[in-house]
Amino acid sequence: MPSILAADQRPRLTTVPTVTLLRDPPHEHRLSMERYADRVRDGVAASGQFGIDEVALQPDRVGWRWHFDRLVSYTVNAGRRNGDLFHIVDHGFAHLARCLPHDRTVVTCHDLMGLRSIRPPG
């Protein structure tokens, strides 16, 4: 029976550290998130110090199946990536961090205005 190695145990084929960029699904048309992810990718690539692995959920289902893909399939796919640093570009996908190494994962939060409404006055 073949053994299954955790992402941290898999042999690395490159000596260049890799940033795994976990993007929003393109069909959601969140232009600001797409633009932000593109700029992060371009900035990391321009440094010449890192490789880039871009991941985005490719939707092919609708309804409850889409939610399953978003919450389960994308999470499993993210957990199978072998990167040195993981960047989740939208806090709406922060659940992906549960299957990634905590000390090498960044989640960008873009909008805290909703929290203002629940803050107590004074």
PDB file of N, CA and C in Angstrom:
ATOM      1  N   MET A   1       0.848  -1.171   0.000  1.00  0.00           N
ATOM      2  CA  MET A   1       0.000   0.000   0.000  1.00  0.00           C
ATOM      3  C   MET A   1       0.899   1.241   0.000  1.00  0.00           C
ATOM      4  N   PRO A   2       0.657   2.197  -0.918  1.00  0.00           N
ATOM      5  CA  PRO A   2       1.502   3.385  -0.969  1.00  0.00           C
ATOM      6  C   PRO A   2       1.271   4.275   0.249  1.00  0.00           C
ATOM      7  N   SER A   3       2.341   4.885   0.703  1.00  0.00           N
ATOM      8  CA  SER A   3       2.199   5.803   1.832  1.00  0.00           C
ATOM      9  C   SER A   3       1.849   7.188   1.309  1.00  0.00           C
ATOM     10  N   ILE A   4       1.116   7.921   2.094  1.00  0.00           N
ATOM     11  CA  ILE A   4       0.724   9.277   1.727  1.00  0.00           C
ATOM     12  C   ILE A   4       1.497  10.226   2.618  1.00  0.00           C
ATOM     13  N   LEU A   5       2.274  11.114   1.998  1.00  0.00           N
ATOM     14  CA  LEU A   5       3.069  12.070   2.747  1.00  0.00           C
ATOM     15  C   LEU A   5       2.313  13.366   2.934  1.00  0.00           C
ATOM     16  N   ALA A   6       2.420  13.951   4.092  1.00  0.00           N
ATOM     17  CA  ALA A   6       1.850  15.280   4.318  1.00  0.00           C
ATOM     18  C   ALA A   6       2.621  16.278   3.464  1.00  0.00           C
ATOM     19  N   ALA A   7       2.010  17.417   3.193  1.00  0.00           N
ATOM     20  CA  ALA A   7       2.628  18.424   2.328  1.00  0.00           C
ATOM     21  C   ALA A   7       4.014  18.815   2.828  1.00  0.00           C
ATOM     22  N   ASP A   8       4.210  18.905   4.137  1.00  0.00           N
ATOM     23  CA  ASP A   8       5.502  19.306   4.682  1.00  0.00           C
ATOM     24  C   ASP A   8       6.564  18.214   4.544  1.00  0.00           C
ATOM     25  N   GLN A   9       6.162  16.966   4.273  1.00  0.00           N
ATOM     26  CA  GLN A   9       7.100  15.863   4.170  1.00  0.00           C
ATOM     27  C   GLN A   9       7.496  15.550   2.730  1.00  0.00           C
ATOM     28  N   ARG A  10       6.772  16.108   1.770  1.00  0.00           N
ATOM     29  CA  ARG A  10       7.077  15.830   0.373  1.00  0.00           C
ATOM     30  C   ARG A  10       8.409  16.443  -0.017  1.00  0.00           C
ATOM     31  N   PRO A  11       9.185  15.750  -0.844  1.00  0.00           N
ATOM     32  CA  PRO A  11      10.467  16.322  -1.268  1.00  0.00           C
ATOM     33  C   PRO A  11      10.263  17.536  -2.157  1.00  0.00           C
ATOM     34  N   ARG A  12      11.084  18.546  -1.952  1.00  0.00           N
ATOM     35  CA  ARG A  12      11.025  19.764  -2.757  1.00  0.00           C
ATOM     36  C   ARG A  12      11.864  19.563  -4.009  1.00  0.00           C
ATOM     37  N   LEU A  13      11.366  19.985  -5.146  1.00  0.00           N
ATOM     38  CA  LEU A  13      12.089  19.840  -6.401  1.00  0.00           C
ATOM     39  C   LEU A  13      12.795  21.130  -6.799  1.00  0.00           C
ATOM     40  N   THR A  14      12.603  22.179  -6.042  1.00  0.00           N
ATOM     41  CA  THR A  14      13.193  23.461  -6.378  1.00  0.00           C
ATOM     42  C   THR A  14      13.866  24.054  -5.147  1.00  0.00           C
ATOM     43  N   THR A  15      14.887  24.864  -5.383  1.00  0.00           N
ATOM     44  CA  THR A  15      15.538  25.527  -4.264  1.00  0.00           C
ATOM     45  C   THR A  15      14.997  26.932  -4.065  1.00  0.00           C
ATOM     46  N   VAL A  16      14.181  27.405  -4.999  1.00  0.00           N
ATOM     47  CA  VAL A  16      13.577  28.727  -4.892  1.00  0.00           C
ATOM     48  C   VAL A  16      12.313  28.610  -4.037  1.00  0.00           C
ATOM     49  N   PRO A  17      12.187  29.402  -2.966  1.00  0.00           N
ATOM     50  CA  PRO A  17      10.968  29.346  -2.157  1.00  0.00           C
ATOM     51  C   PRO A  17       9.742  29.693  -3.004  1.00  0.00           C
ATOM     52  N   THR A  18       8.647  29.026  -2.716  1.00  0.00           N
ATOM     53  CA  THR A  18       7.422  29.220  -3.490  1.00  0.00           C
ATOM     54  C   THR A  18       6.340  29.867  -2.645  1.00  0.00           C
ATOM     55  N   VAL A  19       5.712  30.897  -3.213  1.00  0.00           N
ATOM     56  CA  VAL A  19       4.534  31.516  -2.611  1.00  0.00           C
ATOM     57  C   VAL A  19       3.312  30.936  -3.314  1.00  0.00           C
ATOM     58  N   THR A  20       2.445  30.302  -2.545  1.00  0.00           N
ATOM     59  CA  THR A  20       1.201  29.769  -3.097  1.00  0.00           C
ATOM     60  C   THR A  20       0.125  30.815  -2.873  1.00  0.00           C
ATOM     61  N   LEU A  21      -0.400  31.338  -3.966  1.00  0.00           N
ATOM     62  CA  LEU A  21      -1.401  32.398  -3.945  1.00  0.00           C
ATOM     63  C   LEU A  21      -2.775  31.765  -4.132  1.00  0.00           C
ATOM     64  N   LEU A  22      -3.602  31.796  -3.091  1.00  0.00           N
ATOM     65  CA  LEU A  22      -4.936  31.208  -3.131  1.00  0.00           C
ATOM     66  C   LEU A  22      -5.930  32.316  -3.465  1.00  0.00           C
ATOM     67  N   ARG A  23      -6.423  32.287  -4.695  1.00  0.00           N
ATOM     68  CA  ARG A  23      -7.234  33.367  -5.259  1.00  0.00           C
ATOM     69  C   ARG A  23      -8.725  33.075  -5.158  1.00  0.00           C
ATOM     70  N   ASP A  24      -9.523  34.134  -5.391  1.00  0.00           N
ATOM     71  CA  ASP A  24     -10.966  33.985  -5.516  1.00  0.00           C
ATOM     72  C   ASP A  24     -11.284  33.265  -6.822  1.00  0.00           C
ATOM     73  N   PRO A  25     -12.393  32.552  -6.870  1.00  0.00           N
ATOM     74  CA  PRO A  25     -12.814  31.955  -8.135  1.00  0.00           C
ATOM     75  C   PRO A  25     -13.079  33.052  -9.178  1.00  0.00           C
ATOM     76  N   PRO A  26     -12.567  32.909 -10.392  1.00  0.00           N
ATOM     77  CA  PRO A  26     -12.705  33.973 -11.388  1.00  0.00           C
ATOM     78  C   PRO A  26     -14.143  34.289 -11.773  1.00  0.00           C
ATOM     79  N   HIS A  27     -15.034  33.319 -11.672  1.00  0.00           N
ATOM     80  CA  HIS A  27     -16.413  33.565 -12.099  1.00  0.00           C
ATOM     81  C   HIS A  27     -17.171  34.488 -11.134  1.00  0.00           C
ATOM     82  N   GLU A  28     -16.625  34.734  -9.953  1.00  0.00           N
ATOM     83  CA  GLU A  28     -17.294  35.624  -9.000  1.00  0.00           C
ATOM     84  C   GLU A  28     -17.111  37.094  -9.371  1.00  0.00           C
ATOM     85  N   HIS A  29     -16.185  37.378 -10.270  1.00  0.00           N
ATOM     86  CA  HIS A  29     -15.961  38.726 -10.812  1.00  0.00           C
ATOM     87  C   HIS A  29     -15.756  39.774  -9.721  1.00  0.00           C
ATOM     88  N   ARG A  30     -14.993  39.432  -8.726  1.00  0.00           N
ATOM     89  CA  ARG A  30     -14.622  40.407  -7.697  1.00  0.00           C
ATOM     90  C   ARG A  30     -13.384  41.127  -8.195  1.00  0.00           C
ATOM     91  N   LEU A  31     -13.625  42.173  -8.947  1.00  0.00           N
ATOM     92  CA  LEU A  31     -12.532  42.841  -9.657  1.00  0.00           C
ATOM     93  C   LEU A  31     -11.450  43.357  -8.720  1.00  0.00           C
ATOM     94  N   SER A  32     -11.837  43.889  -7.573  1.00  0.00           N
ATOM     95  CA  SER A  32     -10.813  44.396  -6.657  1.00  0.00           C
ATOM     96  C   SER A  32      -9.952  43.261  -6.120  1.00  0.00           C
ATOM     97  N   MET A  33     -10.551  42.088  -5.876  1.00  0.00           N
ATOM     98  CA  MET A  33      -9.787  40.933  -5.399  1.00  0.00           C
ATOM     99  C   MET A  33      -8.879  40.402  -6.504  1.00  0.00           C
ATOM    100  N   GLU A  34      -9.379  40.391  -7.726  1.00  0.00           N
ATOM    101  CA  GLU A  34      -8.561  39.942  -8.852  1.00  0.00           C
ATOM    102  C   GLU A  34      -7.375  40.887  -9.056  1.00  0.00           C
ATOM    103  N   ARG A  35      -7.653  42.182  -8.997  1.00  0.00           N
ATOM    104  CA  ARG A  35      -6.591  43.176  -9.167  1.00  0.00           C
ATOM    105  C   ARG A  35      -5.552  43.042  -8.051  1.00  0.00           C
ATOM    106  N   TYR A  36      -6.016  42.879  -6.823  1.00  0.00           N
ATOM    107  CA  TYR A  36      -5.102  42.726  -5.696  1.00  0.00           C
ATOM    108  C   TYR A  36      -4.228  41.477  -5.877  1.00  0.00           C
ATOM    109  N   ALA A  37      -4.846  40.356  -6.208  1.00  0.00           N
ATOM    110  CA  ALA A  37      -4.084  39.113  -6.399  1.00  0.00           C
ATOM    111  C   ALA A  37      -3.077  39.258  -7.535  1.00  0.00           C
ATOM    112  N   ASP A  38      -3.483  39.930  -8.610  1.00  0.00           N
ATOM    113  CA  ASP A  38      -2.556  40.160  -9.729  1.00  0.00           C
ATOM    114  C   ASP A  38      -1.354  40.987  -9.284  1.00  0.00           C
ATOM    115  N   ARG A  39      -1.607  42.005  -8.472  1.00  0.00           N
ATOM    116  CA  ARG A  39      -0.503  42.859  -7.996  1.00  0.00           C
ATOM    117  C   ARG A  39       0.420  42.118  -7.038  1.00  0.00           C
ATOM    118  N   VAL A  40      -0.149  41.297  -6.185  1.00  0.00           N
ATOM    119  CA  VAL A  40       0.696  40.489  -5.296  1.00  0.00           C
ATOM    120  C   VAL A  40       1.551  39.548  -6.139  1.00  0.00           C
ATOM    121  N   ARG A  41       0.923  38.866  -7.090  1.00  0.00           N
ATOM    122  CA  ARG A  41       1.665  37.952  -7.969  1.00  0.00           C
ATOM    123  C   ARG A  41       2.786  38.672  -8.698  1.00  0.00           C
ATOM    124  N   ASP A  42       2.458  39.822  -9.291  1.00  0.00           N
ATOM    125  CA  ASP A  42       3.455  40.569 -10.053  1.00  0.00           C
ATOM    126  C   ASP A  42       4.592  41.064  -9.164  1.00  0.00           C
ATOM    127  N   GLY A  43       4.258  41.516  -7.954  1.00  0.00           N
ATOM    128  CA  GLY A  43       5.280  41.999  -7.037  1.00  0.00           C
ATOM    129  C   GLY A  43       6.206  40.894  -6.569  1.00  0.00           C
ATOM    130  N   VAL A  44       5.631  39.743  -6.254  1.00  0.00           N
ATOM    131  CA  VAL A  44       6.445  38.607  -5.812  1.00  0.00           C
ATOM    132  C   VAL A  44       7.327  38.130  -6.968  1.00  0.00           C
ATOM    133  N   ALA A  45       6.762  38.049  -8.157  1.00  0.00           N
ATOM    134  CA  ALA A  45       7.531  37.602  -9.323  1.00  0.00           C
ATOM    135  C   ALA A  45       8.652  38.589  -9.654  1.00  0.00           C
ATOM    136  N   ALA A  46       8.365  39.887  -9.528  1.00  0.00           N
ATOM    137  CA  ALA A  46       9.365  40.910  -9.853  1.00  0.00           C
ATOM    138  C   ALA A  46      10.554  40.874  -8.897  1.00  0.00           C
ATOM    139  N   SER A  47      10.336  40.371  -7.687  1.00  0.00           N
ATOM    140  CA  SER A  47      11.447  40.303  -6.733  1.00  0.00           C
ATOM    141  C   SER A  47      12.508  39.315  -7.201  1.00  0.00           C
ATOM    142  N   GLY A  48      12.102  38.332  -7.974  1.00  0.00           N
ATOM    143  CA  GLY A  48      13.034  37.324  -8.458  1.00  0.00           C
ATOM    144  C   GLY A  48      13.502  36.354  -7.385  1.00  0.00           C
ATOM    145  N   GLN A  49      12.930  36.457  -6.203  1.00  0.00           N
ATOM    146  CA  GLN A  49      13.370  35.618  -5.086  1.00  0.00           C
ATOM    147  C   GLN A  49      12.436  34.451  -4.797  1.00  0.00           C
ATOM    148  N   PHE A  50      11.273  34.445  -5.451  1.00  0.00           N
ATOM    149  CA  PHE A  50      10.257  33.435  -5.153  1.00  0.00           C
ATOM    150  C   PHE A  50       9.626  32.906  -6.433  1.00  0.00           C
ATOM    151  N   GLY A  51       9.212  31.663  -6.363  1.00  0.00           N
ATOM    152  CA  GLY A  51       8.358  31.104  -7.394  1.00  0.00           C
ATOM    153  C   GLY A  51       6.910  31.355  -7.002  1.00  0.00           C
ATOM    154  N   ILE A  52       6.012  31.263  -7.945  1.00  0.00           N
ATOM    155  CA  ILE A  52       4.590  31.512  -7.686  1.00  0.00           C
ATOM    156  C   ILE A  52       3.787  30.269  -8.076  1.00  0.00           C
ATOM    157  N   ASP A  53       2.887  29.879  -7.206  1.00  0.00           N
ATOM    158  CA  ASP A  53       1.914  28.822  -7.491  1.00  0.00           C
ATOM    159  C   ASP A  53       0.548  29.439  -7.261  1.00  0.00           C
ATOM    160  N   GLU A  54      -0.195  29.705  -8.338  1.00  0.00           N
ATOM    161  CA  GLU A  54      -1.519  30.317  -8.210  1.00  0.00           C
ATOM    162  C   GLU A  54      -2.588  29.237  -8.223  1.00  0.00           C
ATOM    163  N   VAL A  55      -3.540  29.369  -7.299  1.00  0.00           N
ATOM    164  CA  VAL A  55      -4.618  28.407  -7.184  1.00  0.00           C
ATOM    165  C   VAL A  55      -5.928  29.184  -7.115  1.00  0.00           C
ATOM    166  N   ALA A  56      -6.902  28.745  -7.899  1.00  0.00           N
ATOM    167  CA  ALA A  56      -8.247  29.321  -7.822  1.00  0.00           C
ATOM    168  C   ALA A  56      -9.247  28.202  -8.058  1.00  0.00           C
ATOM    169  N   LEU A  57     -10.318  28.231  -7.328  1.00  0.00           N
ATOM    170  CA  LEU A  57     -11.385  27.253  -7.506  1.00  0.00           C
ATOM    171  C   LEU A  57     -12.019  27.464  -8.875  1.00  0.00           C
ATOM    172  N   GLN A  58     -12.057  26.424  -9.673  1.00  0.00           N
ATOM    173  CA  GLN A  58     -12.665  26.507 -10.998  1.00  0.00           C
ATOM    174  C   GLN A  58     -14.063  25.910 -10.920  1.00  0.00           C
ATOM    175  N   PRO A  59     -15.066  26.761 -10.923  1.00  0.00           N
ATOM    176  CA  PRO A  59     -16.430  26.269 -10.721  1.00  0.00           C
ATOM    177  C   PRO A  59     -16.950  25.531 -11.951  1.00  0.00           C
ATOM    178  N   ASP A  60     -17.577  24.417 -11.702  1.00  0.00           N
ATOM    179  CA  ASP A  60     -18.267  23.723 -12.773  1.00  0.00           C
ATOM    180  C   ASP A  60     -19.616  23.207 -12.294  1.00  0.00           C
ATOM    181  N   ARG A  61     -19.977  23.628 -11.079  1.00  0.00           N
ATOM    182  CA  ARG A  61     -21.253  23.189 -10.530  1.00  0.00           C
ATOM    183  C   ARG A  61     -21.984  24.392  -9.930  1.00  0.00           C
ATOM    184  N   VAL A  62     -23.262  24.225  -9.704  1.00  0.00           N
ATOM    185  CA  VAL A  62     -24.078  25.304  -9.143  1.00  0.00           C
ATOM    186  C   VAL A  62     -24.832  24.793  -7.921  1.00  0.00           C
ATOM    187  N   GLY A  63     -25.492  25.730  -7.226  1.00  0.00           N
ATOM    188  CA  GLY A  63     -26.315  25.364  -6.074  1.00  0.00           C
ATOM    189  C   GLY A  63     -25.481  24.832  -4.924  1.00  0.00           C
ATOM    190  N   TRP A  64     -26.008  23.831  -4.246  1.00  0.00           N
ATOM    191  CA  TRP A  64     -25.318  23.296  -3.072  1.00  0.00           C
ATOM    192  C   TRP A  64     -23.979  22.672  -3.445  1.00  0.00           C
ATOM    193  N   ARG A  65     -23.859  22.184  -4.675  1.00  0.00           N
ATOM    194  CA  ARG A  65     -22.586  21.588  -5.100  1.00  0.00           C
ATOM    195  C   ARG A  65     -21.477  22.646  -5.158  1.00  0.00           C
ATOM    196  N   TRP A  66     -21.856  23.877  -5.536  1.00  0.00           N
ATOM    197  CA  TRP A  66     -20.873  24.967  -5.550  1.00  0.00           C
ATOM    198  C   TRP A  66     -20.374  25.226  -4.129  1.00  0.00           C
ATOM    199  N   HIS A  67     -21.288  25.228  -3.172  1.00  0.00           N
ATOM    200  CA  HIS A  67     -20.895  25.452  -1.777  1.00  0.00           C
ATOM    201  C   HIS A  67     -20.009  24.319  -1.270  1.00  0.00           C
ATOM    202  N   PHE A  68     -20.310  23.096  -1.678  1.00  0.00           N
ATOM    203  CA  PHE A  68     -19.457  21.966  -1.312  1.00  0.00           C
ATOM    204  C   PHE A  68     -18.057  22.173  -1.875  1.00  0.00           C
ATOM    205  N   ASP A  69     -17.967  22.558  -3.144  1.00  0.00           N
ATOM    206  CA  ASP A  69     -16.662  22.793  -3.765  1.00  0.00           C
ATOM    207  C   ASP A  69     -15.910  23.910  -3.047  1.00  0.00           C
ATOM    208  N   ARG A  70     -16.628  24.972  -2.708  1.00  0.00           N
ATOM    209  CA  ARG A  70     -16.009  26.121  -2.054  1.00  0.00           C
ATOM    210  C   ARG A  70     -15.479  25.762  -0.668  1.00  0.00           C
ATOM    211  N   LEU A  71     -16.270  25.004   0.082  1.00  0.00           N
ATOM    212  CA  LEU A  71     -15.897  24.704   1.464  1.00  0.00           C
ATOM    213  C   LEU A  71     -15.060  23.442   1.630  1.00  0.00           C
ATOM    214  N   VAL A  72     -15.240  22.467   0.755  1.00  0.00           N
ATOM    215  CA  VAL A  72     -14.537  21.194   0.926  1.00  0.00           C
ATOM    216  C   VAL A  72     -13.473  20.979  -0.148  1.00  0.00           C
ATOM    217  N   SER A  73     -13.868  20.991  -1.404  1.00  0.00           N
ATOM    218  CA  SER A  73     -12.921  20.669  -2.475  1.00  0.00           C
ATOM    219  C   SER A  73     -11.753  21.646  -2.535  1.00  0.00           C
ATOM    220  N   TYR A  74     -12.042  22.953  -2.437  1.00  0.00           N
ATOM    221  CA  TYR A  74     -10.976  23.958  -2.494  1.00  0.00           C
ATOM    222  C   TYR A  74     -10.056  23.816  -1.276  1.00  0.00           C
ATOM    223  N   THR A  75     -10.636  23.493  -0.132  1.00  0.00           N
ATOM    224  CA  THR A  75      -9.850  23.320   1.085  1.00  0.00           C
ATOM    225  C   THR A  75      -8.906  22.126   0.958  1.00  0.00           C
ATOM    226  N   VAL A  76      -9.421  21.022   0.444  1.00  0.00           N
ATOM    227  CA  VAL A  76      -8.587  19.835   0.251  1.00  0.00           C
ATOM    228  C   VAL A  76      -7.486  20.133  -0.761  1.00  0.00           C
ATOM    229  N   ASN A  77      -7.836  20.805  -1.863  1.00  0.00           N
ATOM    230  CA  ASN A  77      -6.845  21.163  -2.885  1.00  0.00           C
ATOM    231  C   ASN A  77      -5.755  22.055  -2.291  1.00  0.00           C
ATOM    232  N   ALA A  78      -6.155  23.037  -1.503  1.00  0.00           N
ATOM    233  CA  ALA A  78      -5.177  23.937  -0.876  1.00  0.00           C
ATOM    234  C   ALA A  78      -4.240  23.163   0.035  1.00  0.00           C
ATOM    235  N   GLY A  79      -4.782  22.233   0.802  1.00  0.00           N
ATOM    236  CA  GLY A  79      -3.977  21.451   1.729  1.00  0.00           C
ATOM    237  C   GLY A  79      -2.972  20.537   1.052  1.00  0.00           C
ATOM    238  N   ARG A  80      -3.185  20.241  -0.200  1.00  0.00           N
ATOM    239  CA  ARG A  80      -2.267  19.374  -0.950  1.00  0.00           C
ATOM    240  C   ARG A  80      -1.131  20.140  -1.611  1.00  0.00           C
ATOM    241  N   ARG A  81      -1.183  21.460  -1.543  1.00  0.00           N
ATOM    242  CA  ARG A  81      -0.133  22.278  -2.153  1.00  0.00           C
ATOM    243  C   ARG A  81       1.134  22.203  -1.329  1.00  0.00           C
ATOM    244  N   ASN A  82       2.246  22.347  -2.016  1.00  0.00           N
ATOM    245  CA  ASN A  82       3.540  22.231  -1.357  1.00  0.00           C
ATOM    246  C   ASN A  82       4.279  23.555  -1.507  1.00  0.00           C
ATOM    247  N   GLY A  83       3.850  24.569  -0.787  1.00  0.00           N
ATOM    248  CA  GLY A  83       4.490  25.878  -0.866  1.00  0.00           C
ATOM    249  C   GLY A  83       5.267  26.207   0.386  1.00  0.00           C
ATOM    250  N   ASP A  84       6.066  27.246   0.280  1.00  0.00           N
ATOM    251  CA  ASP A  84       6.820  27.711   1.440  1.00  0.00           C
ATOM    252  C   ASP A  84       6.048  28.777   2.210  1.00  0.00           C
ATOM    253  N   LEU A  85       5.225  29.534   1.498  1.00  0.00           N
ATOM    254  CA  LEU A  85       4.360  30.544   2.103  1.00  0.00           C
ATOM    255  C   LEU A  85       3.024  30.489   1.377  1.00  0.00           C
ATOM    256  N   PHE A  86       1.944  30.541   2.133  1.00  0.00           N
ATOM    257  CA  PHE A  86       0.596  30.501   1.557  1.00  0.00           C
ATOM    258  C   PHE A  86      -0.074  31.844   1.816  1.00  0.00           C
ATOM    259  N   HIS A  87      -0.608  32.440   0.762  1.00  0.00           N
ATOM    260  CA  HIS A  87      -1.286  33.736   0.894  1.00  0.00           C
ATOM    261  C   HIS A  87      -2.716  33.579   0.385  1.00  0.00           C
ATOM    262  N   ILE A  88      -3.665  33.656   1.310  1.00  0.00           N
ATOM    263  CA  ILE A  88      -5.088  33.643   0.975  1.00  0.00           C
ATOM    264  C   ILE A  88      -5.473  35.100   0.759  1.00  0.00           C
ATOM    265  N   VAL A  89      -5.806  35.459  -0.483  1.00  0.00           N
ATOM    266  CA  VAL A  89      -5.937  36.875  -0.821  1.00  0.00           C
ATOM    267  C   VAL A  89      -7.274  37.488  -0.416  1.00  0.00           C
ATOM    268  N   ASP A  90      -8.239  36.694   0.017  1.00  0.00           N
ATOM    269  CA  ASP A  90      -9.544  37.227   0.402  1.00  0.00           C
ATOM    270  C   ASP A  90      -9.987  36.550   1.698  1.00  0.00           C
ATOM    271  N   HIS A  91     -10.314  37.345   2.702  1.00  0.00           N
ATOM    272  CA  HIS A  91     -10.702  36.778   3.991  1.00  0.00           C
ATOM    273  C   HIS A  91     -11.953  35.911   3.894  1.00  0.00           C
ATOM    274  N   GLY A  92     -12.709  36.030   2.812  1.00  0.00           N
ATOM    275  CA  GLY A  92     -13.871  35.168   2.593  1.00  0.00           C
ATOM    276  C   GLY A  92     -13.488  33.702   2.406  1.00  0.00           C
ATOM    277  N   PHE A  93     -12.213  33.457   2.170  1.00  0.00           N
ATOM    278  CA  PHE A  93     -11.713  32.094   2.031  1.00  0.00           C
ATOM    279  C   PHE A  93     -10.751  31.739   3.170  1.00  0.00           C
ATOM    280  N   ALA A  94     -10.879  32.421   4.286  1.00  0.00           N
ATOM    281  CA  ALA A  94      -9.989  32.190   5.426  1.00  0.00           C
ATOM    282  C   ALA A  94     -10.094  30.760   5.948  1.00  0.00           C
ATOM    283  N   HIS A  95     -11.201  30.089   5.683  1.00  0.00           N
ATOM    284  CA  HIS A  95     -11.340  28.701   6.128  1.00  0.00           C
ATOM    285  C   HIS A  95     -10.260  27.797   5.526  1.00  0.00           C
ATOM    286  N   LEU A  96      -9.659  28.220   4.418  1.00  0.00           N
ATOM    287  CA  LEU A  96      -8.580  27.429   3.817  1.00  0.00           C
ATOM    288  C   LEU A  96      -7.387  27.303   4.754  1.00  0.00           C
ATOM    289  N   ALA A  97      -7.216  28.281   5.634  1.00  0.00           N
ATOM    290  CA  ALA A  97      -6.066  28.282   6.541  1.00  0.00           C
ATOM    291  C   ALA A  97      -6.085  27.090   7.495  1.00  0.00           C
ATOM    292  N   ARG A  98      -7.231  26.498   7.705  1.00  0.00           N
ATOM    293  CA  ARG A  98      -7.324  25.360   8.632  1.00  0.00           C
ATOM    294  C   ARG A  98      -6.491  24.169   8.183  1.00  0.00           C
ATOM    295  N   CYS A  99      -6.238  24.061   6.885  1.00  0.00           N
ATOM    296  CA  CYS A  99      -5.488  22.900   6.394  1.00  0.00           C
ATOM    297  C   CYS A  99      -4.078  23.281   5.944  1.00  0.00           C
ATOM    298  N   LEU A 100      -3.651  24.492   6.257  1.00  0.00           N
ATOM    299  CA  LEU A 100      -2.326  24.963   5.852  1.00  0.00           C
ATOM    300  C   LEU A 100      -1.445  25.165   7.085  1.00  0.00           C
ATOM    301  N   PRO A 101      -0.132  25.160   6.899  1.00  0.00           N
ATOM    302  CA  PRO A 101       0.764  25.387   8.047  1.00  0.00           C
ATOM    303  C   PRO A 101       0.551  26.789   8.625  1.00  0.00           C
ATOM    304  N   HIS A 102       0.174  26.864   9.877  1.00  0.00           N
ATOM    305  CA  HIS A 102      -0.185  28.146  10.497  1.00  0.00           C
ATOM    306  C   HIS A 102       0.960  29.146  10.529  1.00  0.00           C
ATOM    307  N   ASP A 103       2.173  28.661  10.635  1.00  0.00           N
ATOM    308  CA  ASP A 103       3.312  29.566  10.719  1.00  0.00           C
ATOM    309  C   ASP A 103       3.777  30.056   9.351  1.00  0.00           C
ATOM    310  N   ARG A 104       3.127  29.585   8.275  1.00  0.00           N
ATOM    311  CA  ARG A 104       3.515  30.013   6.927  1.00  0.00           C
ATOM    312  C   ARG A 104       2.313  30.437   6.103  1.00  0.00           C
ATOM    313  N   THR A 105       1.240  30.874   6.774  1.00  0.00           N
ATOM    314  CA  THR A 105       0.009  31.243   6.075  1.00  0.00           C
ATOM    315  C   THR A 105      -0.394  32.670   6.428  1.00  0.00           C
ATOM    316  N   VAL A 106      -0.731  33.429   5.395  1.00  0.00           N
ATOM    317  CA  VAL A 106      -1.180  34.814   5.542  1.00  0.00           C
ATOM    318  C   VAL A 106      -2.587  34.907   4.958  1.00  0.00           C
ATOM    319  N   VAL A 107      -3.493  35.563   5.682  1.00  0.00           N
ATOM    320  CA  VAL A 107      -4.836  35.849   5.167  1.00  0.00           C
ATOM    321  C   VAL A 107      -4.972  37.358   5.123  1.00  0.00           C
ATOM    322  N   THR A 108      -5.313  37.901   3.960  1.00  0.00           N
ATOM    323  CA  THR A 108      -5.499  39.341   3.838  1.00  0.00           C
ATOM    324  C   THR A 108      -6.965  39.668   4.089  1.00  0.00           C
ATOM    325  N   CYS A 109      -7.205  40.605   5.004  1.00  0.00           N
ATOM    326  CA  CYS A 109      -8.553  41.088   5.297  1.00  0.00           C
ATOM    327  C   CYS A 109      -8.698  42.466   4.661  1.00  0.00           C
ATOM    328  N   HIS A 110      -9.665  42.617   3.804  1.00  0.00           N
ATOM    329  CA  HIS A 110      -9.809  43.843   3.019  1.00  0.00           C
ATOM    330  C   HIS A 110     -10.880  44.793   3.529  1.00  0.00           C
ATOM    331  N   ASP A 111     -11.786  44.325   4.359  1.00  0.00           N
ATOM    332  CA  ASP A 111     -12.919  45.174   4.706  1.00  0.00           C
ATOM    333  C   ASP A 111     -13.338  44.939   6.153  1.00  0.00           C
ATOM    334  N   LEU A 112     -13.075  45.922   6.987  1.00  0.00           N
ATOM    335  CA  LEU A 112     -13.467  45.828   8.390  1.00  0.00           C
ATOM    336  C   LEU A 112     -14.683  46.705   8.711  1.00  0.00           C
ATOM    337  N   MET A 113     -15.266  47.315   7.701  1.00  0.00           N
ATOM    338  CA  MET A 113     -16.400  48.225   7.934  1.00  0.00           C
ATOM    339  C   MET A 113     -17.577  47.504   8.563  1.00  0.00           C
ATOM    340  N   GLY A 114     -17.778  46.252   8.242  1.00  0.00           N
ATOM    341  CA  GLY A 114     -18.894  45.504   8.836  1.00  0.00           C
ATOM    342  C   GLY A 114     -18.742  45.355  10.330  1.00  0.00           C
ATOM    343  N   LEU A 115     -17.522  45.308  10.809  1.00  0.00           N
ATOM    344  CA  LEU A 115     -17.298  45.182  12.258  1.00  0.00           C
ATOM    345  C   LEU A 115     -17.614  46.465  12.999  1.00  0.00           C
ATOM    346  N   ARG A 116     -17.552  47.579  12.307  1.00  0.00           N
ATOM    347  CA  ARG A 116     -17.876  48.855  12.945  1.00  0.00           C
ATOM    348  C   ARG A 116     -19.302  48.890  13.447  1.00  0.00           C
ATOM    349  N   SER A 117     -20.195  48.242  12.718  1.00  0.00           N
ATOM    350  CA  SER A 117     -21.604  48.273  13.097  1.00  0.00           C
ATOM    351  C   SER A 117     -21.887  47.477  14.357  1.00  0.00           C
ATOM    352  N   ILE A 118     -21.033  46.542  14.734  1.00  0.00           N
ATOM    353  CA  ILE A 118     -21.282  45.755  15.943  1.00  0.00           C
ATOM    354  C   ILE A 118     -20.472  46.254  17.139  1.00  0.00           C
ATOM    355  N   ARG A 119     -19.650  47.262  16.920  1.00  0.00           N
ATOM    356  CA  ARG A 119     -18.864  47.831  18.006  1.00  0.00           C
ATOM    357  C   ARG A 119     -19.770  48.643  18.926  1.00  0.00           C
ATOM    358  N   PRO A 120     -19.655  48.448  20.215  1.00  0.00           N
ATOM    359  CA  PRO A 120     -20.505  49.220  21.127  1.00  0.00           C
ATOM    360  C   PRO A 120     -20.166  50.709  21.091  1.00  0.00           C
ATOM    361  N   PRO A 121     -21.174  51.568  21.191  1.00  0.00           N
ATOM    362  CA  PRO A 121     -20.903  53.006  21.162  1.00  0.00           C
ATOM    363  C   PRO A 121     -20.112  53.446  22.393  1.00  0.00           C
ATOM    364  N   GLY A 122     -19.355  54.508  22.191  1.00  0.00           N
ATOM    365  CA  GLY A 122     -18.672  55.114  23.316  1.00  0.00           C
ATOM    366  C   GLY A 122     -17.285  54.749  23.373  1.00  0.00           C
TER     367      GLY A 122
END
